[in-house]
Amino acid sequence: MDRKEFLALLGTGTAVVLCSAFLKACKPLDQITSPSTNVDFTLDLTAPANNALKNIGGYIYNDNIIIAHVNDGSYVAVSSICTHQGGTVAYQTNGNEFHCPNHGSNFATNGSVINGPANSPLVTYKTSLNGTQLRITS
C-alpha cells in the first residue's frame, strides 16, 4: 500500500467515525423520554441541593423537570426535555428563556417556542411558594 492509498483509507475511516457520532447525537422521536405527568413535589429552598434557586437565574433539575428562578423573581417549572429531539434544556438569564444546546431551539418561560427547530412547546408545571417551600404540580 502506498502513501496515497493509506491517506485515502484514513480519510474514509475518519469520515465514517465522525458521521456515526453525529447521527448518534440525534435521537429518533420514538426514543425521546416523555415529560413527567402526575407531578406533585415540594422543594425546601433552604436545602443545600436547592441553593441555585436562591438567586435569579439559578435553576435545578428534578427528574425530567427544570425549575428556574426567572428574571421577574418568580419560579417556573417546565419539562427539561426539548420537544425537537429530546435534548436537555437549560435556563438562560440573559434571554429569560430555556435553550436547547443540541439544535438551538429556544422556549419562553411559559414553555412556548421562541424559535425552532422545535415546533411544540415544553410541558409546564404549576409552582407555588409558601415561605421557603416551593411546590411543583401538574
N, C-alpha and C. Protein backbone atom coordinates (compact mmCIF):
# COMPACT_ATOMS: atom_id res chain seq x y z
N MET A 1 0.85 -1.17 0.00
CA MET A 1 0.00 0.00 0.00
C MET A 1 0.89 1.23 0.00
N ASP A 2 0.63 2.14 -0.93
CA ASP A 2 1.44 3.35 -0.97
C ASP A 2 0.81 4.44 -0.10
N ARG A 3 1.49 5.53 0.00
CA ARG A 3 1.09 6.61 0.88
C ARG A 3 -0.28 7.18 0.48
N LYS A 4 -0.52 7.34 -0.80
CA LYS A 4 -1.78 7.89 -1.29
C LYS A 4 -2.97 6.99 -0.90
N GLU A 5 -2.82 5.69 -1.06
CA GLU A 5 -3.88 4.75 -0.70
C GLU A 5 -4.13 4.78 0.82
N PHE A 6 -3.03 4.84 1.58
CA PHE A 6 -3.15 4.89 3.03
C PHE A 6 -3.93 6.12 3.48
N LEU A 7 -3.59 7.29 2.93
CA LEU A 7 -4.27 8.53 3.31
C LEU A 7 -5.73 8.50 2.89
N ALA A 8 -6.04 7.90 1.74
CA ALA A 8 -7.43 7.79 1.30
C ALA A 8 -8.23 6.91 2.27
N LEU A 9 -7.65 5.78 2.68
CA LEU A 9 -8.32 4.90 3.64
C LEU A 9 -8.49 5.57 5.00
N LEU A 10 -7.47 6.29 5.42
CA LEU A 10 -7.53 7.00 6.69
C LEU A 10 -8.64 8.05 6.67
N GLY A 11 -8.75 8.79 5.57
CA GLY A 11 -9.80 9.80 5.44
C GLY A 11 -11.18 9.19 5.45
N THR A 12 -11.36 8.08 4.77
CA THR A 12 -12.65 7.40 4.72
C THR A 12 -13.03 6.88 6.11
N GLY A 13 -12.07 6.28 6.79
CA GLY A 13 -12.33 5.76 8.14
C GLY A 13 -12.71 6.87 9.11
N THR A 14 -12.02 7.99 9.03
CA THR A 14 -12.32 9.13 9.89
C THR A 14 -13.72 9.66 9.61
N ALA A 15 -14.08 9.75 8.34
CA ALA A 15 -15.41 10.24 7.97
C ALA A 15 -16.50 9.33 8.51
N VAL A 16 -16.30 8.03 8.43
CA VAL A 16 -17.29 7.07 8.94
C VAL A 16 -17.47 7.24 10.44
N VAL A 17 -16.37 7.36 11.18
CA VAL A 17 -16.44 7.51 12.64
C VAL A 17 -17.15 8.80 13.01
N LEU A 18 -16.82 9.90 12.34
CA LEU A 18 -17.45 11.19 12.65
C LEU A 18 -18.93 11.18 12.32
N CYS A 19 -19.30 10.63 11.19
CA CYS A 19 -20.72 10.59 10.80
C CYS A 19 -21.53 9.76 11.79
N SER A 20 -20.99 8.65 12.22
CA SER A 20 -21.74 7.82 13.16
C SER A 20 -21.91 8.55 14.50
N ALA A 21 -20.90 9.29 14.92
CA ALA A 21 -21.01 10.05 16.18
C ALA A 21 -22.08 11.13 16.06
N PHE A 22 -22.13 11.83 14.93
CA PHE A 22 -23.14 12.87 14.74
C PHE A 22 -24.54 12.27 14.69
N LEU A 23 -24.70 11.16 14.04
CA LEU A 23 -26.01 10.53 13.93
C LEU A 23 -26.50 10.01 15.28
N LYS A 24 -25.60 9.54 16.12
CA LYS A 24 -26.00 9.06 17.44
C LYS A 24 -26.48 10.20 18.32
N ALA A 25 -25.98 11.43 18.07
CA ALA A 25 -26.37 12.59 18.88
C ALA A 25 -27.83 12.97 18.67
N CYS A 26 -28.40 12.65 17.52
CA CYS A 26 -29.80 12.97 17.21
C CYS A 26 -30.65 11.75 17.50
N LYS A 27 -31.52 11.86 18.50
CA LYS A 27 -32.36 10.73 18.89
C LYS A 27 -33.58 10.65 17.98
N PRO A 28 -33.98 9.46 17.58
CA PRO A 28 -35.25 9.33 16.88
C PRO A 28 -36.37 9.74 17.82
N LEU A 29 -37.46 10.26 17.25
CA LEU A 29 -38.56 10.74 18.07
C LEU A 29 -39.12 9.69 19.00
N ASP A 30 -39.05 8.41 18.62
CA ASP A 30 -39.61 7.37 19.49
C ASP A 30 -38.72 7.06 20.69
N GLN A 31 -37.52 7.65 20.75
CA GLN A 31 -36.64 7.42 21.89
C GLN A 31 -36.61 8.60 22.86
N ILE A 32 -37.37 9.63 22.57
CA ILE A 32 -37.40 10.78 23.46
C ILE A 32 -38.18 10.42 24.72
N THR A 33 -37.62 10.74 25.87
CA THR A 33 -38.28 10.48 27.14
C THR A 33 -39.51 11.36 27.26
N SER A 34 -40.58 10.82 27.73
CA SER A 34 -41.83 11.57 27.90
C SER A 34 -41.71 12.52 29.08
N PRO A 35 -42.35 13.68 28.98
CA PRO A 35 -42.37 14.60 30.13
C PRO A 35 -43.07 13.95 31.32
N SER A 36 -42.71 14.37 32.50
CA SER A 36 -43.31 13.84 33.72
C SER A 36 -44.78 14.22 33.80
N THR A 37 -45.59 13.28 34.27
CA THR A 37 -47.01 13.53 34.48
C THR A 37 -47.32 13.24 35.95
N ASN A 38 -48.49 13.65 36.40
CA ASN A 38 -48.88 13.46 37.80
C ASN A 38 -47.79 13.97 38.75
N VAL A 39 -47.35 15.17 38.50
CA VAL A 39 -46.28 15.77 39.28
C VAL A 39 -46.84 16.44 40.53
N ASP A 40 -46.21 16.19 41.66
CA ASP A 40 -46.56 16.85 42.91
C ASP A 40 -45.42 16.63 43.89
N PHE A 41 -44.55 17.62 43.98
CA PHE A 41 -43.46 17.53 44.94
C PHE A 41 -43.14 18.93 45.46
N THR A 42 -42.46 18.97 46.60
CA THR A 42 -42.11 20.23 47.24
C THR A 42 -40.61 20.29 47.45
N LEU A 43 -40.04 21.45 47.14
CA LEU A 43 -38.60 21.69 47.36
C LEU A 43 -38.44 22.64 48.53
N ASP A 44 -37.54 22.29 49.43
CA ASP A 44 -37.17 23.17 50.53
C ASP A 44 -36.05 24.07 50.02
N LEU A 45 -36.34 25.35 49.84
CA LEU A 45 -35.35 26.27 49.27
C LEU A 45 -34.17 26.53 50.19
N THR A 46 -34.25 26.08 51.45
CA THR A 46 -33.10 26.23 52.34
C THR A 46 -32.16 25.03 52.28
N ALA A 47 -32.58 23.97 51.60
CA ALA A 47 -31.74 22.77 51.48
C ALA A 47 -30.57 23.05 50.55
N PRO A 48 -29.37 22.57 50.90
CA PRO A 48 -28.18 22.81 50.06
C PRO A 48 -28.36 22.37 48.60
N ALA A 49 -29.11 21.31 48.36
CA ALA A 49 -29.30 20.82 47.00
C ALA A 49 -30.06 21.83 46.13
N ASN A 50 -30.77 22.76 46.78
CA ASN A 50 -31.57 23.74 46.05
C ASN A 50 -30.99 25.14 46.10
N ASN A 51 -29.74 25.28 46.50
CA ASN A 51 -29.09 26.59 46.63
C ASN A 51 -29.16 27.42 45.36
N ALA A 52 -29.10 26.79 44.20
CA ALA A 52 -29.11 27.54 42.93
C ALA A 52 -30.39 28.36 42.79
N LEU A 53 -31.47 27.93 43.43
CA LEU A 53 -32.75 28.63 43.29
C LEU A 53 -32.84 29.89 44.16
N LYS A 54 -31.84 30.13 44.98
CA LYS A 54 -31.85 31.33 45.82
C LYS A 54 -31.63 32.59 44.99
N ASN A 55 -30.94 32.46 43.87
CA ASN A 55 -30.58 33.61 43.05
C ASN A 55 -31.34 33.60 41.72
N ILE A 56 -31.73 34.79 41.27
CA ILE A 56 -32.34 34.90 39.95
C ILE A 56 -31.35 34.37 38.92
N GLY A 57 -31.86 33.56 38.04
CA GLY A 57 -31.01 32.92 37.02
C GLY A 57 -30.60 31.51 37.40
N GLY A 58 -30.78 31.15 38.65
CA GLY A 58 -30.43 29.81 39.09
C GLY A 58 -31.50 28.80 38.69
N TYR A 59 -31.07 27.58 38.50
CA TYR A 59 -32.01 26.52 38.15
C TYR A 59 -31.48 25.18 38.60
N ILE A 60 -32.40 24.24 38.77
CA ILE A 60 -32.04 22.87 39.12
C ILE A 60 -32.92 21.93 38.30
N TYR A 61 -32.49 20.67 38.26
CA TYR A 61 -33.28 19.63 37.61
C TYR A 61 -33.83 18.68 38.67
N ASN A 62 -35.04 18.23 38.47
CA ASN A 62 -35.65 17.22 39.33
C ASN A 62 -36.34 16.25 38.38
N ASP A 63 -35.76 15.08 38.22
CA ASP A 63 -36.21 14.11 37.22
C ASP A 63 -36.16 14.79 35.85
N ASN A 64 -37.28 14.86 35.14
CA ASN A 64 -37.31 15.47 33.81
C ASN A 64 -37.90 16.87 33.83
N ILE A 65 -37.73 17.55 34.97
CA ILE A 65 -38.27 18.90 35.14
C ILE A 65 -37.13 19.85 35.48
N ILE A 66 -37.15 21.03 34.86
CA ILE A 66 -36.21 22.08 35.22
C ILE A 66 -36.99 23.16 35.96
N ILE A 67 -36.48 23.55 37.12
CA ILE A 67 -37.11 24.59 37.93
C ILE A 67 -36.14 25.76 37.93
N ALA A 68 -36.63 26.93 37.52
CA ALA A 68 -35.76 28.11 37.40
C ALA A 68 -36.31 29.28 38.19
N HIS A 69 -35.40 30.08 38.72
CA HIS A 69 -35.73 31.35 39.37
C HIS A 69 -35.52 32.41 38.30
N VAL A 70 -36.60 32.83 37.64
CA VAL A 70 -36.52 33.65 36.44
C VAL A 70 -36.39 35.14 36.76
N ASN A 71 -36.17 35.92 35.70
CA ASN A 71 -35.81 37.34 35.84
C ASN A 71 -36.81 38.19 36.63
N ASP A 72 -38.11 37.86 36.58
CA ASP A 72 -39.08 38.67 37.33
C ASP A 72 -39.17 38.26 38.79
N GLY A 73 -38.32 37.31 39.22
CA GLY A 73 -38.28 36.87 40.61
C GLY A 73 -39.17 35.68 40.91
N SER A 74 -39.97 35.25 39.96
CA SER A 74 -40.84 34.10 40.18
C SER A 74 -40.10 32.80 39.88
N TYR A 75 -40.76 31.71 40.19
CA TYR A 75 -40.22 30.38 39.91
C TYR A 75 -41.05 29.75 38.80
N VAL A 76 -40.37 29.10 37.88
CA VAL A 76 -41.02 28.47 36.73
C VAL A 76 -40.53 27.03 36.68
N ALA A 77 -41.44 26.12 36.33
CA ALA A 77 -41.09 24.71 36.17
C ALA A 77 -41.64 24.23 34.83
N VAL A 78 -40.75 23.67 34.01
CA VAL A 78 -41.13 23.13 32.70
C VAL A 78 -40.41 21.81 32.50
N SER A 79 -40.86 21.07 31.51
CA SER A 79 -40.15 19.84 31.15
C SER A 79 -38.74 20.21 30.70
N SER A 80 -37.76 19.45 31.14
CA SER A 80 -36.38 19.71 30.72
C SER A 80 -36.05 19.04 29.39
N ILE A 81 -37.05 18.39 28.79
CA ILE A 81 -36.84 17.62 27.57
C ILE A 81 -37.27 18.43 26.36
N CYS A 82 -36.33 18.79 25.51
CA CYS A 82 -36.65 19.54 24.31
C CYS A 82 -37.61 18.73 23.44
N THR A 83 -38.61 19.40 22.90
CA THR A 83 -39.61 18.72 22.10
C THR A 83 -39.14 18.43 20.68
N HIS A 84 -37.95 18.90 20.33
CA HIS A 84 -37.44 18.61 18.99
C HIS A 84 -36.88 17.20 18.92
N GLN A 85 -35.81 16.95 19.68
CA GLN A 85 -35.22 15.62 19.65
C GLN A 85 -34.72 15.18 21.01
N GLY A 86 -35.32 15.70 22.06
CA GLY A 86 -35.08 15.17 23.39
C GLY A 86 -33.84 15.66 24.11
N GLY A 87 -33.21 16.73 23.64
CA GLY A 87 -32.07 17.28 24.36
C GLY A 87 -32.52 17.88 25.69
N THR A 88 -31.58 18.18 26.55
CA THR A 88 -31.89 18.77 27.85
C THR A 88 -31.75 20.28 27.78
N VAL A 89 -32.83 20.99 28.10
CA VAL A 89 -32.80 22.45 28.05
C VAL A 89 -32.19 23.00 29.34
N ALA A 90 -31.68 24.22 29.23
CA ALA A 90 -31.12 24.94 30.37
C ALA A 90 -31.73 26.34 30.37
N TYR A 91 -31.79 26.96 31.53
CA TYR A 91 -32.32 28.32 31.62
C TYR A 91 -31.19 29.30 31.35
N GLN A 92 -31.49 30.32 30.53
CA GLN A 92 -30.52 31.38 30.24
C GLN A 92 -31.08 32.71 30.73
N THR A 93 -30.42 33.28 31.72
CA THR A 93 -30.87 34.52 32.33
C THR A 93 -30.88 35.67 31.34
N ASN A 94 -29.82 35.77 30.52
CA ASN A 94 -29.71 36.92 29.62
C ASN A 94 -30.87 37.01 28.64
N GLY A 95 -31.45 35.90 28.22
CA GLY A 95 -32.60 35.93 27.33
C GLY A 95 -33.90 35.63 28.03
N ASN A 96 -33.84 35.31 29.32
CA ASN A 96 -35.00 34.89 30.11
C ASN A 96 -35.76 33.80 29.36
N GLU A 97 -35.01 32.75 28.97
CA GLU A 97 -35.58 31.68 28.17
C GLU A 97 -34.89 30.36 28.45
N PHE A 98 -35.50 29.29 27.98
CA PHE A 98 -34.90 27.97 28.06
C PHE A 98 -34.28 27.67 26.70
N HIS A 99 -33.07 27.15 26.72
CA HIS A 99 -32.31 26.92 25.49
C HIS A 99 -31.89 25.46 25.40
N CYS A 100 -32.07 24.88 24.23
CA CYS A 100 -31.57 23.52 23.97
C CYS A 100 -30.28 23.64 23.17
N PRO A 101 -29.16 23.22 23.73
CA PRO A 101 -27.88 23.36 23.05
C PRO A 101 -27.71 22.40 21.86
N ASN A 102 -28.55 21.37 21.75
CA ASN A 102 -28.36 20.40 20.67
C ASN A 102 -28.58 21.00 19.30
N HIS A 103 -29.70 21.71 19.12
CA HIS A 103 -30.00 22.26 17.80
C HIS A 103 -30.45 23.71 17.85
N GLY A 104 -30.40 24.34 19.02
CA GLY A 104 -30.64 25.77 19.12
C GLY A 104 -32.07 26.22 19.37
N SER A 105 -32.96 25.30 19.70
CA SER A 105 -34.34 25.72 20.00
C SER A 105 -34.35 26.55 21.28
N ASN A 106 -35.23 27.56 21.30
CA ASN A 106 -35.41 28.40 22.47
C ASN A 106 -36.88 28.45 22.82
N PHE A 107 -37.14 28.48 24.14
CA PHE A 107 -38.51 28.45 24.66
C PHE A 107 -38.67 29.56 25.68
N ALA A 108 -39.84 30.21 25.66
CA ALA A 108 -40.16 31.23 26.66
C ALA A 108 -40.38 30.56 28.02
N THR A 109 -40.43 31.36 29.06
CA THR A 109 -40.62 30.80 30.40
C THR A 109 -41.99 30.17 30.58
N ASN A 110 -42.94 30.44 29.66
CA ASN A 110 -44.24 29.76 29.71
C ASN A 110 -44.23 28.50 28.85
N GLY A 111 -43.06 28.11 28.34
CA GLY A 111 -42.90 26.88 27.57
C GLY A 111 -43.08 27.05 26.07
N SER A 112 -43.62 28.17 25.62
CA SER A 112 -43.88 28.35 24.18
C SER A 112 -42.57 28.43 23.39
N VAL A 113 -42.64 28.02 22.13
CA VAL A 113 -41.47 28.02 21.26
C VAL A 113 -41.17 29.45 20.82
N ILE A 114 -39.94 29.89 21.03
CA ILE A 114 -39.48 31.18 20.52
C ILE A 114 -38.93 30.97 19.11
N ASN A 115 -38.08 29.99 18.98
CA ASN A 115 -37.56 29.61 17.66
C ASN A 115 -37.21 28.13 17.68
N GLY A 116 -37.29 27.52 16.50
CA GLY A 116 -37.06 26.09 16.35
C GLY A 116 -35.61 25.77 16.08
N PRO A 117 -35.45 24.50 15.80
CA PRO A 117 -36.34 23.63 15.04
C PRO A 117 -37.51 23.01 15.81
N ALA A 118 -37.59 23.16 17.11
CA ALA A 118 -38.73 22.60 17.85
C ALA A 118 -40.02 23.28 17.39
N ASN A 119 -41.09 22.52 17.27
CA ASN A 119 -42.40 23.05 16.88
C ASN A 119 -43.39 23.05 18.03
N SER A 120 -43.15 22.21 19.03
CA SER A 120 -44.09 22.04 20.14
C SER A 120 -43.54 22.69 21.40
N PRO A 121 -44.43 23.24 22.23
CA PRO A 121 -43.98 23.87 23.48
C PRO A 121 -43.52 22.85 24.50
N LEU A 122 -42.79 23.32 25.48
CA LEU A 122 -42.42 22.49 26.63
C LEU A 122 -43.63 22.34 27.53
N VAL A 123 -43.76 21.19 28.17
CA VAL A 123 -44.82 21.00 29.16
C VAL A 123 -44.50 21.89 30.36
N THR A 124 -45.50 22.58 30.85
CA THR A 124 -45.31 23.47 32.00
C THR A 124 -45.98 22.88 33.24
N TYR A 125 -45.47 23.27 34.39
CA TYR A 125 -46.00 22.82 35.67
C TYR A 125 -46.29 24.03 36.54
N LYS A 126 -47.23 23.90 37.46
CA LYS A 126 -47.59 24.99 38.37
C LYS A 126 -46.58 25.06 39.49
N THR A 127 -46.28 26.28 39.92
CA THR A 127 -45.41 26.47 41.07
C THR A 127 -46.14 27.35 42.09
N SER A 128 -45.95 27.05 43.36
CA SER A 128 -46.48 27.90 44.42
C SER A 128 -45.48 27.94 45.55
N LEU A 129 -45.22 29.15 46.01
CA LEU A 129 -44.23 29.37 47.06
C LEU A 129 -44.95 29.69 48.36
N ASN A 130 -44.59 28.94 49.42
CA ASN A 130 -45.14 29.17 50.75
C ASN A 130 -43.95 29.23 51.70
N GLY A 131 -43.52 30.43 52.02
CA GLY A 131 -42.30 30.61 52.83
C GLY A 131 -41.09 30.15 52.05
N THR A 132 -40.45 29.10 52.54
CA THR A 132 -39.27 28.55 51.83
C THR A 132 -39.59 27.23 51.14
N GLN A 133 -40.88 26.93 51.04
CA GLN A 133 -41.31 25.69 50.40
C GLN A 133 -41.89 26.00 49.02
N LEU A 134 -41.26 25.42 47.98
CA LEU A 134 -41.72 25.61 46.62
C LEU A 134 -42.36 24.31 46.14
N ARG A 135 -43.66 24.40 45.87
CA ARG A 135 -44.40 23.21 45.43
C ARG A 135 -44.56 23.23 43.91
N ILE A 136 -44.31 22.10 43.27
CA ILE A 136 -44.45 21.94 41.83
C ILE A 136 -45.51 20.88 41.60
N THR A 137 -46.53 21.23 40.78
CA THR A 137 -47.62 20.28 40.50
C THR A 137 -47.96 20.34 39.02
N SER A 138 -48.60 19.25 38.57
CA SER A 138 -49.05 19.21 37.16
C SER A 138 -50.47 19.73 37.05
